Protein backbone atom coordinates (compact mmCIF):
# COMPACT_ATOMS: atom_id res chain seq x y z
CA MET A 1 21.77 -37.60 -25.91
CA GLN A 2 21.74 -37.02 -22.18
CA ASN A 3 20.29 -33.51 -22.67
CA GLU A 4 17.59 -34.90 -24.94
CA VAL A 5 16.58 -37.47 -22.32
CA LYS A 6 16.56 -34.77 -19.65
CA SER A 7 14.37 -32.49 -21.85
CA ARG A 8 11.91 -35.33 -22.45
CA SER A 9 11.81 -36.04 -18.73
CA ILE A 10 11.03 -32.39 -17.95
CA LEU A 11 8.37 -32.26 -20.68
CA PHE A 12 6.80 -35.47 -19.36
CA GLU A 13 6.78 -33.98 -15.84
CA ILE A 14 5.10 -30.78 -17.07
CA LEU A 15 2.48 -32.72 -19.03
CA SER A 16 1.78 -34.87 -15.97
CA TRP A 17 1.17 -31.76 -13.87
CA VAL A 18 -1.05 -30.21 -16.57
CA GLU A 19 -3.07 -33.43 -16.75
CA THR A 20 -3.47 -33.51 -12.96
CA VAL A 21 -4.59 -29.88 -12.84
CA LEU A 22 -7.08 -30.39 -15.70
CA ILE A 23 -8.56 -33.47 -14.03
CA ALA A 24 -8.89 -31.56 -10.75
CA ILE A 25 -10.65 -28.66 -12.54
CA ILE A 26 -13.05 -31.03 -14.32
CA ILE A 27 -13.88 -32.80 -11.05
CA ALA A 28 -14.46 -29.46 -9.32
CA LEU A 29 -16.75 -28.30 -12.14
CA LEU A 30 -18.72 -31.55 -12.04
CA ILE A 31 -19.16 -31.25 -8.28
CA ARG A 32 -20.30 -27.64 -8.64
CA ALA A 33 -22.66 -28.43 -11.50
CA PHE A 34 -24.37 -31.49 -10.09
CA ILE A 35 -23.62 -32.07 -6.41
CA ILE A 36 -22.88 -29.07 -4.15
CA ASP A 37 -22.25 -25.37 -4.55
CA PRO A 38 -21.33 -22.59 -2.09
CA VAL A 39 -23.59 -19.52 -1.92
CA ILE A 40 -23.67 -16.30 0.10
CA VAL A 41 -26.87 -14.94 1.63
CA ASN A 42 -27.56 -11.45 0.32
CA GLY A 43 -30.37 -9.49 1.96
CA VAL A 44 -32.73 -9.91 4.89
CA SER A 45 -35.60 -11.84 3.30
CA MET A 46 -34.84 -15.07 5.16
CA GLU A 47 -34.33 -13.65 8.66
CA ASP A 48 -34.38 -14.97 11.31
CA THR A 49 -33.46 -18.31 9.74
CA LEU A 50 -30.62 -17.00 7.58
CA HIS A 51 -28.71 -13.73 7.81
CA GLU A 52 -26.92 -11.53 5.32
CA GLY A 53 -23.32 -12.57 4.72
CA GLN A 54 -23.74 -16.16 5.86
CA ARG A 55 -22.13 -18.72 3.59
CA LEU A 56 -24.09 -21.84 2.79
CA ILE A 57 -23.71 -25.11 0.93
CA ILE A 58 -26.55 -26.06 -1.39
CA TYR A 59 -27.13 -29.67 -2.40
CA LYS A 60 -28.06 -30.13 -6.05
CA LEU A 61 -28.06 -33.85 -6.68
CA GLY A 62 -31.19 -34.64 -4.66
CA TYR A 63 -33.54 -32.75 -6.95
CA PHE A 64 -32.45 -34.91 -9.88
CA PHE A 65 -34.25 -37.80 -8.16
CA TYR A 66 -37.14 -36.23 -6.23
CA PRO A 67 -38.98 -32.89 -6.33
CA PRO A 68 -38.70 -30.11 -3.73
CA GLN A 69 -40.75 -30.62 -0.58
CA ARG A 70 -42.67 -28.17 1.59
CA GLY A 71 -40.28 -26.54 4.02
CA ASP A 72 -37.19 -26.92 1.84
CA ILE A 73 -35.05 -23.79 1.65
CA ILE A 74 -34.03 -23.51 -1.99
CA VAL A 75 -31.81 -21.36 -4.16
CA PHE A 76 -33.28 -20.57 -7.56
CA GLN A 77 -32.41 -18.47 -10.54
CA TYR A 78 -34.42 -15.26 -10.63
CA GLN A 79 -32.58 -13.57 -13.51
CA LYS A 80 -30.58 -15.41 -16.16
CA GLY A 81 -26.98 -14.46 -16.81
CA LEU A 82 -25.76 -13.10 -20.12
CA VAL A 83 -23.95 -16.31 -21.02
CA ARG A 84 -27.35 -17.87 -21.63
CA ASP A 85 -27.99 -15.33 -24.39
CA ILE A 86 -24.91 -16.40 -26.36
CA PRO A 87 -26.27 -18.74 -29.09
CA ILE A 88 -23.32 -21.15 -28.95
CA LEU A 89 -23.50 -21.53 -25.16
CA LYS A 90 -27.15 -21.21 -24.23
CA ASN A 91 -28.01 -24.78 -25.25
CA LEU A 92 -25.07 -26.30 -23.37
CA GLU A 93 -26.72 -26.98 -20.02
CA PHE A 94 -23.48 -28.14 -18.39
CA LEU A 95 -21.72 -24.85 -19.16
CA ASN A 96 -24.74 -22.90 -17.95
CA ARG A 97 -24.59 -24.80 -14.66
CA VAL A 98 -20.89 -24.29 -14.00
CA LEU A 99 -20.37 -20.82 -15.45
CA PRO A 100 -22.80 -18.47 -13.70
CA THR A 101 -22.26 -14.87 -14.77
CA VAL A 102 -22.13 -11.66 -12.78
CA THR A 103 -25.51 -10.68 -14.21
CA GLU A 104 -27.25 -13.80 -12.90
CA ILE A 105 -29.43 -13.14 -9.86
CA ASP A 106 -30.34 -15.97 -7.50
CA TYR A 107 -32.91 -15.91 -4.69
CA ILE A 108 -33.11 -18.06 -1.59
CA LYS A 109 -36.59 -18.80 -0.22
CA ARG A 110 -38.65 -21.45 1.54
CA VAL A 111 -40.96 -23.81 -0.34
CA ILE A 112 -44.52 -23.34 0.90
CA GLY A 113 -46.55 -25.01 -1.83
CA VAL A 114 -45.89 -27.92 -4.18
CA PRO A 115 -47.82 -28.96 -7.33
CA GLY A 116 -51.54 -29.25 -6.70
CA ASP A 117 -51.53 -27.28 -3.44
CA LYS A 118 -54.11 -24.58 -2.90
CA ILE A 119 -52.46 -21.48 -1.43
CA ASP A 120 -54.34 -18.68 0.28
CA ILE A 121 -53.34 -15.68 2.36
CA GLU A 122 -55.80 -14.07 4.75
CA ASP A 123 -55.38 -11.79 7.78
CA GLY A 124 -51.59 -12.14 7.74
CA LYS A 125 -51.66 -15.94 7.71
CA VAL A 126 -50.89 -18.58 5.09
CA TYR A 127 -53.28 -21.41 4.31
CA VAL A 128 -52.30 -24.55 2.39
CA ASN A 129 -55.17 -26.74 1.21
CA ASP A 130 -57.56 -24.77 3.47
CA LYS A 131 -55.48 -25.43 6.60
CA GLU A 132 -53.55 -22.71 8.40
CA LEU A 133 -49.81 -23.25 8.02
CA ILE A 134 -48.01 -23.30 11.37
CA GLU A 135 -44.83 -21.33 10.78
CA PRO A 136 -42.56 -20.87 13.80
CA TYR A 137 -39.81 -19.69 11.43
CA ALA A 138 -41.85 -16.80 9.96
CA LYS A 139 -41.05 -13.23 10.96
CA GLY A 140 -43.90 -10.72 10.70
CA LEU A 141 -47.28 -11.06 9.05
CA THR A 142 -47.80 -12.46 5.56
CA HIS A 143 -49.58 -9.97 3.31
CA LYS A 144 -50.73 -10.34 -0.28
CA GLN A 145 -48.69 -8.52 -2.90
CA ILE A 146 -49.32 -8.74 -6.65
CA LEU A 147 -50.94 -12.15 -7.13
CA GLU A 148 -54.59 -12.82 -6.49
CA PHE A 149 -55.41 -15.55 -3.97
CA PRO A 150 -56.39 -18.34 -3.58
CA LEU A 151 -54.37 -20.07 -6.28
CA ILE A 152 -53.28 -23.57 -7.22
CA VAL A 153 -49.61 -24.46 -7.67
CA PRO A 154 -49.15 -25.82 -11.23
CA GLU A 155 -47.21 -28.92 -12.22
CA ASN A 156 -43.41 -28.81 -12.02
CA SER A 157 -43.48 -25.63 -9.95
CA VAL A 158 -43.36 -24.47 -6.35
CA PHE A 159 -44.70 -21.50 -4.41
CA VAL A 160 -42.03 -19.88 -2.22
CA LEU A 161 -41.93 -17.27 0.53
CA GLY A 162 -39.13 -15.60 2.44
CA ASP A 163 -39.22 -16.18 6.19
CA ASN A 164 -39.08 -12.41 6.77
CA ARG A 165 -42.56 -11.94 5.39
CA GLU A 166 -42.73 -8.15 5.45
CA ASN A 167 -39.36 -7.78 3.70
CA SER A 168 -39.32 -10.42 0.99
CA ARG A 169 -39.80 -10.45 -2.77
CA ASP A 170 -41.12 -13.92 -3.42
CA SER A 171 -43.91 -15.84 -5.16
CA ARG A 172 -46.44 -13.25 -3.99
CA ALA A 173 -44.79 -10.89 -6.50
CA ILE A 174 -42.81 -13.01 -8.97
CA GLY A 175 -45.13 -16.01 -9.26
CA PHE A 176 -44.42 -19.71 -9.23
CA ILE A 177 -40.91 -21.07 -9.52
CA ASP A 178 -40.44 -23.68 -12.24
CA TYR A 179 -38.36 -26.74 -11.31
CA GLY A 180 -35.90 -25.87 -14.06
CA ARG A 181 -34.92 -22.67 -12.25
CA ILE A 182 -34.14 -24.39 -8.94
CA LYS A 183 -30.41 -24.76 -8.34
CA GLY A 184 -30.48 -26.72 -5.10
CA LYS A 185 -31.48 -27.08 -1.46
CA ALA A 186 -29.66 -25.16 1.28
CA ILE A 187 -28.37 -27.79 3.70
CA LEU A 188 -25.44 -26.35 5.66
CA ARG A 189 -24.16 -23.06 7.09
CA ILE A 190 -20.38 -22.94 6.88
CA TRP A 191 -19.61 -19.31 7.78
CA PRO A 192 -19.34 -17.59 10.16
CA LEU A 193 -18.08 -20.49 12.24
CA LYS A 194 -20.33 -19.60 15.18
CA ASP A 195 -23.33 -20.34 12.94
CA PHE A 196 -21.90 -23.56 11.47
CA GLY A 197 -24.48 -26.31 11.26
CA ILE A 198 -27.24 -28.06 9.38
CA ILE A 199 -30.11 -25.89 8.13
CA ASN A 200 -33.45 -27.22 9.34
């Protein structure tokens, strides 16, 4: 009888720990899916604002309530991961948010144009709605790539550029970025510690 009580007590303790761990995992997945997510900068396209190897926090929740604004630095999905091609999983948006695959490719760029904006590039400069864009963050001259300019940003999309204009694959080559591909806004550098701070 005493052994049976002891066994039940141990089993109850184990189940309590399993429950706690599962709740913690679910909370972590919810946070990652809908609130914040850590990312690592890969490449030089956002220099001198961001540098390769820096670790950032992106904020996801805000874009559920309002659209991206000019000047926002966003992370968006450039190439879908394989999990999205699995019929059972591809329609489960929550799983697609919390289970990025190794084949998924994300870009980080700055929003230059929002829906309805007229974008033009001439003589190394960017014009938004026929006004030259003052860009103290931009490195190098902005040249046209594949797209023909001027163009109008369509609904539910943004036009993005890397700050390192001569070394960036962005909307000049890949076109507009649909809202549905945007994962979040970069808000904070967390590593290395010497660079810790809010991203303007």
